[in-house]
């Protein structure tokens, strides 16, 4: 009846039982490295650039908010800016809501 089940023979010189197999962790380590360089690092770079852009806003800059409002900065405070979106129409938005700094003259061409 041994023809259906092969005999299990002990291997000579194998690694100790319970030892850590570093080759088994290699794919997991590779996935972590790929995620870091393709997802985490670029996101941190974009966040840093956005923070620098919002900290450098000044009166007269033309910006687009995350809601799509295009306007010229009229006043700047620590956390908020006042946007002139039309003549005598000002809105107050948070600095973080500014998504893009556009070239001067964009409002006239829009």
N, C-alpha and C. Protein backbone atom coordinates (compact mmCIF):
# COMPACT_ATOMS: atom_id res chain seq x y z
N UNK A 1 0.80 -1.19 0.00
CA UNK A 1 0.00 0.00 0.00
C UNK A 1 0.86 1.27 0.00
N UNK A 2 2.16 1.17 0.02
CA UNK A 2 3.04 2.32 0.03
C UNK A 2 3.21 2.96 -1.34
N UNK A 3 2.64 2.42 -2.34
CA UNK A 3 2.80 3.00 -3.67
C UNK A 3 1.97 4.27 -3.86
N UNK A 4 0.96 4.56 -3.01
CA UNK A 4 0.18 5.80 -3.10
C UNK A 4 0.78 6.93 -2.27
N UNK A 5 1.47 6.61 -1.22
CA UNK A 5 2.04 7.62 -0.32
C UNK A 5 3.56 7.45 -0.33
N UNK A 6 4.24 8.56 -0.65
CA UNK A 6 5.70 8.45 -0.66
C UNK A 6 6.24 8.57 0.76
N UNK A 7 7.36 7.95 0.98
CA UNK A 7 7.99 7.99 2.29
C UNK A 7 8.62 9.35 2.52
N UNK A 8 8.55 9.84 3.75
CA UNK A 8 9.16 11.11 4.12
C UNK A 8 10.52 10.83 4.74
N UNK A 9 11.58 11.22 4.06
CA UNK A 9 12.93 11.00 4.55
C UNK A 9 13.48 12.31 5.08
N UNK A 10 14.20 12.26 6.14
CA UNK A 10 14.79 13.45 6.74
C UNK A 10 15.89 13.98 5.85
N UNK A 11 15.96 15.31 5.75
CA UNK A 11 16.99 15.96 4.94
C UNK A 11 18.22 16.18 5.81
N UNK A 12 19.34 15.89 5.31
CA UNK A 12 20.58 16.09 6.06
C UNK A 12 21.11 17.49 5.81
N UNK A 13 21.51 18.21 6.87
CA UNK A 13 22.15 19.52 6.74
C UNK A 13 21.19 20.65 6.43
N UNK A 14 19.94 20.50 6.71
CA UNK A 14 18.98 21.58 6.46
C UNK A 14 19.08 22.66 7.53
N UNK A 15 18.30 23.74 7.38
CA UNK A 15 18.34 24.81 8.37
C UNK A 15 17.56 24.40 9.61
N UNK A 16 17.86 25.05 10.70
CA UNK A 16 17.23 24.71 11.97
C UNK A 16 15.74 25.01 11.92
N UNK A 17 14.98 24.21 12.61
CA UNK A 17 13.53 24.43 12.66
C UNK A 17 13.24 25.73 13.40
N UNK A 18 12.32 26.52 12.88
CA UNK A 18 11.98 27.79 13.52
C UNK A 18 12.88 28.94 13.10
N UNK A 19 13.80 28.72 12.20
CA UNK A 19 14.68 29.78 11.73
C UNK A 19 13.95 30.75 10.81
N UNK A 20 14.43 31.96 10.72
CA UNK A 20 13.79 32.98 9.87
C UNK A 20 14.29 32.81 8.45
N UNK A 21 13.35 32.73 7.53
CA UNK A 21 13.69 32.58 6.12
C UNK A 21 13.67 33.97 5.48
N UNK A 22 14.83 34.57 5.28
CA UNK A 22 14.92 35.92 4.73
C UNK A 22 14.47 35.99 3.28
N UNK A 23 14.60 34.91 2.56
CA UNK A 23 14.17 34.89 1.17
C UNK A 23 12.65 35.03 1.10
N UNK A 24 11.94 34.54 2.10
CA UNK A 24 10.49 34.67 2.15
C UNK A 24 10.04 36.11 2.37
N UNK A 25 10.86 36.90 3.04
CA UNK A 25 10.52 38.31 3.28
C UNK A 25 10.91 39.23 2.13
N UNK A 26 11.69 38.73 1.21
CA UNK A 26 12.16 39.55 0.10
C UNK A 26 11.03 40.13 -0.75
N UNK A 27 10.01 39.37 -1.14
CA UNK A 27 8.91 39.98 -1.90
C UNK A 27 8.15 41.06 -1.12
N UNK A 28 7.94 40.83 0.16
CA UNK A 28 7.28 41.83 1.00
C UNK A 28 8.11 43.10 1.10
N UNK A 29 9.39 42.95 1.29
CA UNK A 29 10.29 44.10 1.34
C UNK A 29 10.31 44.84 0.02
N UNK A 30 10.30 44.12 -1.09
CA UNK A 30 10.28 44.73 -2.42
C UNK A 30 8.99 45.53 -2.63
N UNK A 31 7.86 45.01 -2.19
CA UNK A 31 6.58 45.71 -2.31
C UNK A 31 6.59 47.01 -1.51
N UNK A 32 7.14 46.97 -0.30
CA UNK A 32 7.22 48.17 0.53
C UNK A 32 8.09 49.23 -0.13
N UNK A 33 9.21 48.83 -0.70
CA UNK A 33 10.11 49.78 -1.37
C UNK A 33 9.42 50.39 -2.60
N UNK A 34 8.73 49.58 -3.37
CA UNK A 34 8.02 50.09 -4.55
C UNK A 34 6.92 51.07 -4.15
N UNK A 35 6.15 50.73 -3.12
CA UNK A 35 5.11 51.64 -2.64
C UNK A 35 5.70 52.96 -2.17
N UNK A 36 6.83 52.90 -1.50
CA UNK A 36 7.46 54.14 -1.02
C UNK A 36 7.84 55.04 -2.18
N UNK A 37 8.53 54.49 -3.17
CA UNK A 37 9.04 55.33 -4.25
C UNK A 37 7.97 55.71 -5.27
N UNK A 38 6.89 54.94 -5.40
CA UNK A 38 5.88 55.26 -6.40
C UNK A 38 4.65 55.97 -5.82
N UNK A 39 4.39 55.84 -4.53
CA UNK A 39 3.19 56.43 -3.95
C UNK A 39 3.48 57.44 -2.84
N UNK A 40 4.21 57.03 -1.84
CA UNK A 40 4.39 57.86 -0.65
C UNK A 40 5.30 59.04 -0.93
N UNK A 41 6.46 58.82 -1.52
CA UNK A 41 7.42 59.90 -1.76
C UNK A 41 6.88 61.00 -2.69
N UNK A 42 6.25 60.66 -3.83
CA UNK A 42 5.70 61.72 -4.67
C UNK A 42 4.58 62.52 -3.98
N UNK A 43 3.76 61.84 -3.16
CA UNK A 43 2.70 62.54 -2.45
C UNK A 43 3.29 63.52 -1.43
N UNK A 44 4.32 63.13 -0.74
CA UNK A 44 4.97 64.03 0.21
C UNK A 44 5.59 65.22 -0.51
N UNK A 45 6.15 65.00 -1.69
CA UNK A 45 6.75 66.09 -2.46
C UNK A 45 5.68 67.08 -2.90
N UNK A 46 4.52 66.58 -3.39
CA UNK A 46 3.43 67.47 -3.79
C UNK A 46 2.89 68.25 -2.60
N UNK A 47 2.76 67.61 -1.45
CA UNK A 47 2.27 68.29 -0.25
C UNK A 47 3.24 69.39 0.18
N UNK A 48 4.53 69.14 0.09
CA UNK A 48 5.53 70.15 0.45
C UNK A 48 5.48 71.33 -0.52
N UNK A 49 5.35 71.06 -1.83
CA UNK A 49 5.25 72.14 -2.81
C UNK A 49 3.99 72.98 -2.60
N UNK A 50 2.87 72.33 -2.27
CA UNK A 50 1.61 73.05 -2.04
C UNK A 50 1.73 73.93 -0.80
N UNK A 51 2.35 73.42 0.25
CA UNK A 51 2.53 74.21 1.47
C UNK A 51 3.40 75.44 1.20
N UNK A 52 4.48 75.25 0.45
CA UNK A 52 5.36 76.38 0.11
C UNK A 52 4.61 77.41 -0.73
N UNK A 53 3.78 76.93 -1.66
CA UNK A 53 3.01 77.84 -2.51
C UNK A 53 2.00 78.64 -1.68
N UNK A 54 1.29 77.99 -0.78
CA UNK A 54 0.30 78.71 0.03
C UNK A 54 0.96 79.67 1.03
N UNK A 55 2.15 79.34 1.50
CA UNK A 55 2.85 80.24 2.42
C UNK A 55 3.39 81.47 1.69
N UNK A 56 3.62 81.35 0.38
CA UNK A 56 4.19 82.45 -0.38
C UNK A 56 3.15 83.33 -1.07
N UNK A 57 1.87 83.14 -0.79
CA UNK A 57 0.83 83.96 -1.42
C UNK A 57 0.93 85.40 -0.94
N UNK A 58 0.69 86.35 -1.86
CA UNK A 58 0.74 87.76 -1.49
C UNK A 58 -0.36 88.51 -2.23
N UNK A 59 -0.59 89.72 -1.81
CA UNK A 59 -1.64 90.54 -2.41
C UNK A 59 -1.34 90.75 -3.89
N UNK A 60 -2.38 90.60 -4.72
CA UNK A 60 -2.24 90.81 -6.16
C UNK A 60 -2.04 89.53 -6.95
N UNK A 61 -1.73 88.41 -6.28
CA UNK A 61 -1.58 87.14 -6.98
C UNK A 61 -2.94 86.66 -7.47
N UNK A 62 -2.95 85.99 -8.61
CA UNK A 62 -4.17 85.41 -9.14
C UNK A 62 -4.13 83.91 -8.90
N UNK A 63 -5.22 83.38 -8.32
CA UNK A 63 -5.25 81.98 -7.90
C UNK A 63 -6.56 81.31 -8.30
N UNK A 64 -6.53 79.99 -8.29
CA UNK A 64 -7.72 79.17 -8.47
C UNK A 64 -7.87 78.35 -7.20
N UNK A 65 -9.08 78.33 -6.63
CA UNK A 65 -9.33 77.55 -5.42
C UNK A 65 -9.71 76.12 -5.79
N UNK A 66 -9.78 75.26 -4.78
CA UNK A 66 -10.17 73.87 -5.02
C UNK A 66 -11.61 73.78 -5.50
N UNK A 67 -12.42 74.78 -5.19
CA UNK A 67 -13.80 74.81 -5.67
C UNK A 67 -13.93 75.34 -7.08
N UNK A 68 -12.84 75.84 -7.65
CA UNK A 68 -12.86 76.33 -9.03
C UNK A 68 -13.03 77.82 -9.16
N UNK A 69 -13.03 78.56 -8.05
CA UNK A 69 -13.17 80.01 -8.10
C UNK A 69 -11.85 80.64 -8.52
N UNK A 70 -11.92 81.52 -9.50
CA UNK A 70 -10.74 82.25 -9.99
C UNK A 70 -10.83 83.66 -9.45
N UNK A 71 -9.74 84.14 -8.85
CA UNK A 71 -9.78 85.48 -8.29
C UNK A 71 -8.40 86.03 -8.00
N UNK A 72 -8.41 87.31 -7.64
CA UNK A 72 -7.17 88.03 -7.28
C UNK A 72 -7.16 88.22 -5.77
N UNK A 73 -6.03 87.99 -5.16
CA UNK A 73 -5.91 88.12 -3.71
C UNK A 73 -5.94 89.59 -3.34
N UNK A 74 -6.86 89.94 -2.42
CA UNK A 74 -6.98 91.32 -1.97
C UNK A 74 -6.33 91.54 -0.61
N UNK A 75 -6.41 90.56 0.26
CA UNK A 75 -5.82 90.67 1.59
C UNK A 75 -5.36 89.28 2.02
N UNK A 76 -4.29 89.26 2.82
CA UNK A 76 -3.73 88.00 3.29
C UNK A 76 -3.60 88.07 4.81
N UNK A 77 -4.11 87.04 5.51
CA UNK A 77 -3.89 86.93 6.95
C UNK A 77 -3.20 85.59 7.22
N UNK A 78 -3.09 85.20 8.47
CA UNK A 78 -2.38 83.97 8.81
C UNK A 78 -3.04 82.73 8.21
N UNK A 79 -4.36 82.61 8.35
CA UNK A 79 -5.05 81.40 7.91
C UNK A 79 -5.98 81.61 6.72
N UNK A 80 -6.37 82.85 6.45
CA UNK A 80 -7.34 83.13 5.40
C UNK A 80 -6.83 84.17 4.42
N UNK A 81 -7.39 84.12 3.21
CA UNK A 81 -7.11 85.15 2.22
C UNK A 81 -8.45 85.67 1.69
N UNK A 82 -8.46 86.91 1.24
CA UNK A 82 -9.65 87.49 0.65
C UNK A 82 -9.45 87.53 -0.86
N UNK A 83 -10.37 86.89 -1.59
CA UNK A 83 -10.30 86.85 -3.04
C UNK A 83 -11.31 87.81 -3.64
N UNK A 84 -10.86 88.60 -4.59
CA UNK A 84 -11.78 89.43 -5.36
C UNK A 84 -12.12 88.64 -6.61
N UNK A 85 -13.36 88.10 -6.65
CA UNK A 85 -13.76 87.26 -7.77
C UNK A 85 -14.45 88.07 -8.87
N UNK A 86 -14.95 89.24 -8.52
CA UNK A 86 -15.55 90.18 -9.47
C UNK A 86 -15.43 91.56 -8.84
N UNK A 87 -15.79 92.58 -9.60
CA UNK A 87 -15.71 93.93 -9.07
C UNK A 87 -16.66 94.07 -7.88
N UNK A 88 -16.12 94.48 -6.74
CA UNK A 88 -16.84 94.66 -5.47
C UNK A 88 -17.43 93.35 -4.93
N UNK A 89 -16.91 92.22 -5.33
CA UNK A 89 -17.34 90.92 -4.79
C UNK A 89 -16.11 90.21 -4.23
N UNK A 90 -16.05 90.14 -2.91
CA UNK A 90 -14.93 89.50 -2.24
C UNK A 90 -15.41 88.28 -1.48
N UNK A 91 -14.62 87.24 -1.51
CA UNK A 91 -14.90 86.06 -0.69
C UNK A 91 -13.67 85.75 0.15
N UNK A 92 -13.91 85.19 1.31
CA UNK A 92 -12.82 84.83 2.20
C UNK A 92 -12.68 83.32 2.18
N UNK A 93 -11.47 82.85 1.86
CA UNK A 93 -11.20 81.40 1.80
C UNK A 93 -9.97 81.08 2.63
N UNK A 94 -9.90 79.83 3.03
CA UNK A 94 -8.74 79.36 3.78
C UNK A 94 -7.55 79.21 2.83
N UNK A 95 -6.36 79.45 3.34
CA UNK A 95 -5.16 79.35 2.50
C UNK A 95 -5.03 77.98 1.84
N UNK A 96 -5.37 76.93 2.56
CA UNK A 96 -5.25 75.58 2.02
C UNK A 96 -6.20 75.30 0.88
N UNK A 97 -7.23 76.13 0.71
CA UNK A 97 -8.20 75.93 -0.37
C UNK A 97 -7.68 76.42 -1.71
N UNK A 98 -6.55 77.09 -1.71
CA UNK A 98 -5.95 77.54 -2.97
C UNK A 98 -5.24 76.35 -3.60
N UNK A 99 -5.65 76.00 -4.82
CA UNK A 99 -5.05 74.84 -5.46
C UNK A 99 -3.96 75.20 -6.45
N UNK A 100 -4.08 76.38 -7.06
CA UNK A 100 -3.12 76.72 -8.11
C UNK A 100 -2.89 78.22 -8.17
N UNK A 101 -1.65 78.61 -8.36
CA UNK A 101 -1.26 79.99 -8.60
C UNK A 101 -1.14 80.14 -10.11
N UNK A 102 -1.93 81.06 -10.70
CA UNK A 102 -1.95 81.21 -12.16
C UNK A 102 -1.19 82.48 -12.55
N UNK A 103 -0.72 82.59 -13.79
CA UNK A 103 0.00 83.77 -14.23
C UNK A 103 -0.88 85.02 -14.21
N UNK A 104 -0.25 86.14 -13.98
CA UNK A 104 -1.00 87.42 -13.98
C UNK A 104 -1.61 87.64 -15.34
N UNK A 105 -2.83 88.17 -15.35
CA UNK A 105 -3.55 88.42 -16.58
C UNK A 105 -4.51 87.31 -16.95
N UNK A 106 -4.54 86.25 -16.17
CA UNK A 106 -5.44 85.14 -16.46
C UNK A 106 -6.90 85.55 -16.28
N UNK A 107 -7.16 86.40 -15.31
CA UNK A 107 -8.54 86.83 -15.04
C UNK A 107 -9.09 87.62 -16.24
N UNK A 108 -8.27 88.46 -16.83
CA UNK A 108 -8.71 89.26 -17.97
C UNK A 108 -9.02 88.39 -19.18
N UNK A 109 -8.26 87.31 -19.36
CA UNK A 109 -8.49 86.46 -20.53
C UNK A 109 -9.60 85.45 -20.30
N UNK A 110 -10.04 85.28 -19.06
CA UNK A 110 -11.08 84.27 -18.77
C UNK A 110 -12.47 84.79 -19.05
